Amino acid sequence: QVQLVESGGGLVQAGGSMRLSCAASGRTFGSTTMGWFRQAPGKERELVAVIIWSGGATYYTDAVKGRFTISRDNAKNTMYLQMNSLKPEDTAVYYCNTNPPRSSTWGQGTQVTVSS
């Protein structure tokens, strides 16, 4: 069974940058479309960005377009989310998962807090 571990979160001031990592176990990572999701306090979890298996195509929700970049290194079984120009409204727990997400694959997430 695939396991995903998110890391790289923390506290940053508005306008700052942060890079999240998602380390995956299992043999299918390199052939799987993956996504980053986030859940802010009191809100439902939402899709942030998606990357296809080859990295050749990506999708971003409007709120992060031009500020976030999703990427992956299939040789390392790792996916990344580079976040620039962070805003307080980006504060959330960030998760990685397949896209569409599998309920059995949700990890603990990594907390990102952006102070104003």
N, C-alpha and C. Protein backbone atom coordinates (compact mmCIF):
# COMPACT_ATOMS: atom_id res chain seq x y z
N GLN A 1 0.84 -1.19 0.00
CA GLN A 1 0.00 0.00 0.00
C GLN A 1 0.89 1.24 0.00
N VAL A 2 0.49 2.23 -0.81
CA VAL A 2 1.27 3.46 -0.90
C VAL A 2 1.12 4.26 0.38
N GLN A 3 2.23 4.76 0.86
CA GLN A 3 2.23 5.67 1.99
C GLN A 3 2.86 6.99 1.58
N LEU A 4 2.30 8.07 2.08
CA LEU A 4 2.77 9.41 1.74
C LEU A 4 3.11 10.16 3.01
N VAL A 5 4.24 10.85 3.00
CA VAL A 5 4.67 11.62 4.16
C VAL A 5 5.00 13.04 3.70
N GLU A 6 4.25 13.99 4.25
CA GLU A 6 4.48 15.40 3.92
C GLU A 6 5.46 16.03 4.90
N SER A 7 6.25 16.98 4.41
CA SER A 7 7.17 17.70 5.28
C SER A 7 7.45 19.08 4.69
N GLY A 8 8.07 19.92 5.50
CA GLY A 8 8.50 21.22 5.02
C GLY A 8 7.67 22.40 5.49
N GLY A 9 6.61 22.13 6.23
CA GLY A 9 5.77 23.21 6.70
C GLY A 9 6.42 23.98 7.84
N GLY A 10 5.75 25.04 8.27
CA GLY A 10 6.26 25.85 9.36
C GLY A 10 5.59 27.21 9.38
N LEU A 11 6.26 28.14 10.02
CA LEU A 11 5.74 29.51 10.16
C LEU A 11 6.56 30.45 9.28
N VAL A 12 5.88 31.27 8.51
CA VAL A 12 6.56 32.21 7.63
C VAL A 12 5.77 33.51 7.59
N GLN A 13 6.45 34.60 7.34
CA GLN A 13 5.76 35.88 7.23
C GLN A 13 5.14 36.03 5.85
N ALA A 14 4.11 36.82 5.78
CA ALA A 14 3.48 37.10 4.50
C ALA A 14 4.52 37.62 3.50
N GLY A 15 4.44 37.12 2.29
CA GLY A 15 5.40 37.47 1.26
C GLY A 15 6.57 36.53 1.17
N GLY A 16 6.69 35.65 2.15
CA GLY A 16 7.79 34.70 2.17
C GLY A 16 7.55 33.48 1.30
N SER A 17 8.51 32.56 1.36
CA SER A 17 8.46 31.34 0.54
C SER A 17 8.66 30.11 1.41
N MET A 18 8.20 28.99 0.88
CA MET A 18 8.34 27.72 1.58
C MET A 18 8.23 26.60 0.54
N ARG A 19 8.95 25.51 0.76
CA ARG A 19 8.84 24.37 -0.14
C ARG A 19 8.40 23.15 0.65
N LEU A 20 7.34 22.55 0.21
CA LEU A 20 6.83 21.33 0.82
C LEU A 20 7.30 20.13 0.01
N SER A 21 7.50 19.02 0.70
CA SER A 21 7.87 17.77 0.05
C SER A 21 6.87 16.68 0.42
N CYS A 22 6.70 15.75 -0.50
CA CYS A 22 5.83 14.60 -0.29
C CYS A 22 6.62 13.36 -0.71
N ALA A 23 7.01 12.57 0.27
CA ALA A 23 7.77 11.35 0.00
C ALA A 23 6.81 10.17 -0.07
N ALA A 24 6.91 9.42 -1.16
CA ALA A 24 6.00 8.30 -1.39
C ALA A 24 6.73 6.97 -1.36
N SER A 25 6.07 5.99 -0.81
CA SER A 25 6.59 4.62 -0.87
C SER A 25 5.80 3.87 -1.94
N GLY A 26 6.30 2.74 -2.38
CA GLY A 26 5.57 1.96 -3.37
C GLY A 26 6.09 2.16 -4.77
N ARG A 27 5.70 1.24 -5.65
CA ARG A 27 6.24 1.22 -7.00
C ARG A 27 5.41 2.00 -8.01
N THR A 28 4.25 2.49 -7.61
CA THR A 28 3.35 3.10 -8.58
C THR A 28 3.43 4.61 -8.64
N PHE A 29 4.25 5.22 -7.79
CA PHE A 29 4.30 6.68 -7.75
C PHE A 29 4.59 7.26 -9.11
N GLY A 30 5.56 6.72 -9.81
CA GLY A 30 6.00 7.27 -11.08
C GLY A 30 4.98 7.20 -12.19
N SER A 31 3.91 6.47 -11.99
CA SER A 31 2.87 6.35 -13.02
C SER A 31 1.54 6.93 -12.56
N THR A 32 1.59 7.70 -11.50
CA THR A 32 0.35 8.19 -10.87
C THR A 32 0.25 9.71 -10.88
N THR A 33 -0.91 10.21 -11.27
CA THR A 33 -1.18 11.64 -11.14
C THR A 33 -1.32 11.98 -9.66
N MET A 34 -0.63 13.03 -9.24
CA MET A 34 -0.59 13.39 -7.83
C MET A 34 -1.11 14.81 -7.62
N GLY A 35 -1.51 15.09 -6.40
CA GLY A 35 -2.00 16.42 -6.10
C GLY A 35 -1.62 16.88 -4.70
N TRP A 36 -1.62 18.18 -4.54
CA TRP A 36 -1.50 18.81 -3.22
C TRP A 36 -2.88 19.34 -2.85
N PHE A 37 -3.23 19.16 -1.61
CA PHE A 37 -4.52 19.60 -1.08
C PHE A 37 -4.24 20.40 0.21
N ARG A 38 -5.21 21.20 0.63
CA ARG A 38 -5.03 21.91 1.89
C ARG A 38 -6.39 22.06 2.59
N GLN A 39 -6.30 22.16 3.91
CA GLN A 39 -7.50 22.35 4.71
C GLN A 39 -7.23 23.43 5.74
N ALA A 40 -7.93 24.53 5.59
CA ALA A 40 -7.82 25.63 6.54
C ALA A 40 -8.80 25.41 7.69
N PRO A 41 -8.55 26.03 8.83
CA PRO A 41 -9.45 25.86 9.98
C PRO A 41 -10.89 26.22 9.62
N GLY A 42 -11.80 25.32 9.94
CA GLY A 42 -13.21 25.57 9.70
C GLY A 42 -13.65 25.43 8.26
N LYS A 43 -12.77 24.99 7.40
CA LYS A 43 -13.10 24.85 5.98
C LYS A 43 -12.89 23.42 5.51
N GLU A 44 -13.49 23.10 4.36
CA GLU A 44 -13.30 21.78 3.79
C GLU A 44 -11.95 21.70 3.10
N ARG A 45 -11.45 20.48 2.97
CA ARG A 45 -10.20 20.28 2.25
C ARG A 45 -10.40 20.63 0.78
N GLU A 46 -9.44 21.30 0.19
CA GLU A 46 -9.55 21.71 -1.20
C GLU A 46 -8.30 21.31 -1.99
N LEU A 47 -8.51 21.14 -3.28
CA LEU A 47 -7.41 20.82 -4.19
C LEU A 47 -6.63 22.09 -4.48
N VAL A 48 -5.31 22.00 -4.41
CA VAL A 48 -4.45 23.16 -4.66
C VAL A 48 -3.75 23.04 -6.00
N ALA A 49 -3.16 21.89 -6.28
CA ALA A 49 -2.39 21.73 -7.51
C ALA A 49 -2.32 20.25 -7.86
N VAL A 50 -2.15 19.99 -9.16
CA VAL A 50 -2.08 18.62 -9.67
C VAL A 50 -0.94 18.52 -10.66
N ILE A 51 -0.29 17.36 -10.70
CA ILE A 51 0.76 17.11 -11.67
C ILE A 51 0.59 15.70 -12.21
N ILE A 52 0.66 15.56 -13.53
CA ILE A 52 0.49 14.22 -14.10
C ILE A 52 1.75 13.40 -13.88
N TRP A 53 1.70 12.12 -14.21
CA TRP A 53 2.77 11.20 -13.87
C TRP A 53 4.13 11.64 -14.41
N SER A 54 4.15 12.22 -15.60
CA SER A 54 5.42 12.60 -16.23
C SER A 54 5.90 13.98 -15.82
N GLY A 55 5.03 14.73 -15.16
CA GLY A 55 5.37 16.11 -14.85
C GLY A 55 5.11 17.06 -16.00
N GLY A 56 4.60 16.54 -17.11
CA GLY A 56 4.42 17.35 -18.31
C GLY A 56 3.22 18.25 -18.31
N ALA A 57 2.34 18.08 -17.36
CA ALA A 57 1.16 18.94 -17.29
C ALA A 57 0.81 19.18 -15.83
N THR A 58 0.37 20.39 -15.54
CA THR A 58 0.01 20.75 -14.18
C THR A 58 -1.29 21.55 -14.17
N TYR A 59 -1.88 21.61 -13.00
CA TYR A 59 -3.10 22.39 -12.80
C TYR A 59 -2.98 23.10 -11.46
N TYR A 60 -3.50 24.33 -11.40
CA TYR A 60 -3.50 25.08 -10.15
C TYR A 60 -4.87 25.70 -9.92
N THR A 61 -5.29 25.70 -8.69
CA THR A 61 -6.50 26.43 -8.37
C THR A 61 -6.21 27.93 -8.50
N ASP A 62 -7.23 28.71 -8.83
CA ASP A 62 -7.01 30.12 -9.13
C ASP A 62 -6.30 30.87 -8.00
N ALA A 63 -6.57 30.48 -6.77
CA ALA A 63 -6.04 31.22 -5.62
C ALA A 63 -4.51 31.16 -5.53
N VAL A 64 -3.90 30.17 -6.18
CA VAL A 64 -2.44 30.02 -6.05
C VAL A 64 -1.70 30.18 -7.37
N LYS A 65 -2.43 30.38 -8.45
CA LYS A 65 -1.78 30.50 -9.77
C LYS A 65 -0.78 31.65 -9.77
N GLY A 66 0.39 31.38 -10.32
CA GLY A 66 1.43 32.40 -10.40
C GLY A 66 2.27 32.49 -9.14
N ARG A 67 1.86 31.83 -8.07
CA ARG A 67 2.61 31.87 -6.81
C ARG A 67 3.17 30.51 -6.41
N PHE A 68 2.44 29.44 -6.70
CA PHE A 68 2.85 28.08 -6.33
C PHE A 68 3.31 27.33 -7.58
N THR A 69 4.27 26.42 -7.38
CA THR A 69 4.73 25.55 -8.46
C THR A 69 4.82 24.12 -7.95
N ILE A 70 4.12 23.22 -8.62
CA ILE A 70 4.17 21.81 -8.28
C ILE A 70 5.18 21.12 -9.19
N SER A 71 5.94 20.19 -8.62
CA SER A 71 6.92 19.45 -9.41
C SER A 71 7.09 18.07 -8.79
N ARG A 72 7.80 17.20 -9.50
CA ARG A 72 8.03 15.87 -8.97
C ARG A 72 9.36 15.33 -9.48
N ASP A 73 9.93 14.40 -8.72
CA ASP A 73 11.14 13.69 -9.09
C ASP A 73 10.81 12.21 -8.94
N ASN A 74 10.46 11.56 -10.04
CA ASN A 74 10.03 10.17 -9.95
C ASN A 74 11.16 9.24 -9.52
N ALA A 75 12.39 9.61 -9.81
CA ALA A 75 13.53 8.79 -9.38
C ALA A 75 13.66 8.76 -7.87
N LYS A 76 13.17 9.82 -7.23
CA LYS A 76 13.23 9.91 -5.77
C LYS A 76 11.88 9.64 -5.12
N ASN A 77 10.89 9.30 -5.94
CA ASN A 77 9.53 9.09 -5.39
C ASN A 77 9.08 10.27 -4.54
N THR A 78 9.32 11.46 -5.02
CA THR A 78 9.03 12.66 -4.23
C THR A 78 8.35 13.72 -5.09
N MET A 79 7.39 14.40 -4.48
CA MET A 79 6.70 15.51 -5.12
C MET A 79 6.93 16.76 -4.27
N TYR A 80 6.91 17.91 -4.92
CA TYR A 80 7.20 19.16 -4.22
C TYR A 80 6.11 20.20 -4.49
N LEU A 81 6.04 21.16 -3.59
CA LEU A 81 5.20 22.33 -3.82
C LEU A 81 5.99 23.55 -3.37
N GLN A 82 6.46 24.32 -4.34
CA GLN A 82 7.16 25.55 -4.04
C GLN A 82 6.13 26.66 -3.92
N MET A 83 6.12 27.31 -2.77
CA MET A 83 5.12 28.34 -2.50
C MET A 83 5.83 29.68 -2.30
N ASN A 84 5.53 30.62 -3.15
CA ASN A 84 6.11 31.97 -3.07
C ASN A 84 5.01 32.99 -2.81
N SER A 85 5.42 34.17 -2.40
CA SER A 85 4.48 35.26 -2.14
C SER A 85 3.32 34.79 -1.26
N LEU A 86 3.66 34.11 -0.19
CA LEU A 86 2.63 33.52 0.66
C LEU A 86 1.77 34.59 1.31
N LYS A 87 0.50 34.24 1.47
CA LYS A 87 -0.48 35.13 2.07
C LYS A 87 -1.06 34.48 3.33
N PRO A 88 -1.58 35.28 4.25
CA PRO A 88 -2.21 34.68 5.44
C PRO A 88 -3.30 33.68 5.10
N GLU A 89 -4.01 33.90 4.00
CA GLU A 89 -5.07 32.96 3.61
C GLU A 89 -4.54 31.63 3.09
N ASP A 90 -3.23 31.51 2.93
CA ASP A 90 -2.63 30.22 2.57
C ASP A 90 -2.43 29.34 3.81
N THR A 91 -2.67 29.88 4.98
CA THR A 91 -2.53 29.10 6.21
C THR A 91 -3.47 27.91 6.20
N ALA A 92 -2.91 26.73 6.38
CA ALA A 92 -3.68 25.49 6.31
C ALA A 92 -2.77 24.31 6.61
N VAL A 93 -3.38 23.15 6.77
CA VAL A 93 -2.62 21.90 6.76
C VAL A 93 -2.60 21.43 5.31
N TYR A 94 -1.41 21.16 4.82
CA TYR A 94 -1.23 20.74 3.44
C TYR A 94 -1.00 19.24 3.38
N TYR A 95 -1.69 18.61 2.44
CA TYR A 95 -1.62 17.16 2.25
C TYR A 95 -1.26 16.84 0.80
N CYS A 96 -0.63 15.71 0.61
CA CYS A 96 -0.46 15.19 -0.74
C CYS A 96 -1.26 13.89 -0.86
N ASN A 97 -1.65 13.58 -2.07
CA ASN A 97 -2.41 12.37 -2.33
C ASN A 97 -2.43 12.16 -3.83
N THR A 98 -2.93 11.03 -4.24
CA THR A 98 -3.19 10.84 -5.65
C THR A 98 -4.33 11.78 -6.05
N ASN A 99 -4.50 11.97 -7.36
CA ASN A 99 -5.65 12.72 -7.82
C ASN A 99 -6.35 11.93 -8.91
N PRO A 100 -7.60 11.52 -8.69
CA PRO A 100 -8.43 11.79 -7.50
C PRO A 100 -7.83 11.17 -6.24
N PRO A 101 -8.11 11.75 -5.09
CA PRO A 101 -7.52 11.24 -3.85
C PRO A 101 -8.12 9.92 -3.41
N ARG A 102 -7.28 9.10 -2.78
CA ARG A 102 -7.73 7.84 -2.19
C ARG A 102 -7.86 8.04 -0.69
N SER A 103 -8.98 7.63 -0.14
CA SER A 103 -9.23 7.87 1.28
C SER A 103 -8.21 7.16 2.16
N SER A 104 -7.67 6.04 1.69
CA SER A 104 -6.73 5.27 2.50
C SER A 104 -5.32 5.83 2.46
N THR A 105 -5.09 6.86 1.65
CA THR A 105 -3.74 7.35 1.45
C THR A 105 -3.46 8.67 2.16
N TRP A 106 -4.46 9.29 2.76
CA TRP A 106 -4.22 10.55 3.45
C TRP A 106 -3.20 10.37 4.57
N GLY A 107 -2.22 11.27 4.61
CA GLY A 107 -1.24 11.26 5.67
C GLY A 107 -1.58 12.27 6.75
N GLN A 108 -0.58 12.62 7.54
CA GLN A 108 -0.79 13.55 8.64
C GLN A 108 -0.81 15.00 8.16
N GLY A 109 -0.25 15.24 7.01
CA GLY A 109 -0.18 16.60 6.51
C GLY A 109 0.94 17.39 7.17
N THR A 110 1.16 18.58 6.67
CA THR A 110 2.16 19.47 7.25
C THR A 110 1.53 20.86 7.39
N GLN A 111 1.69 21.45 8.56
CA GLN A 111 1.05 22.73 8.86
C GLN A 111 1.86 23.89 8.26
N VAL A 112 1.17 24.74 7.53
CA VAL A 112 1.77 25.97 7.01
C VAL A 112 1.01 27.14 7.64
N THR A 113 1.75 28.00 8.30
CA THR A 113 1.15 29.17 8.93
C THR A 113 1.83 30.43 8.40
N VAL A 114 1.03 31.32 7.85
CA VAL A 114 1.55 32.56 7.27
C VAL A 114 1.06 33.72 8.14
N SER A 115 2.00 34.42 8.73
CA SER A 115 1.64 35.53 9.60
C SER A 115 1.58 36.83 8.82
N SER A 116 0.70 37.71 9.22
CA SER A 116 0.55 38.99 8.51
C SER A 116 1.44 40.06 9.11
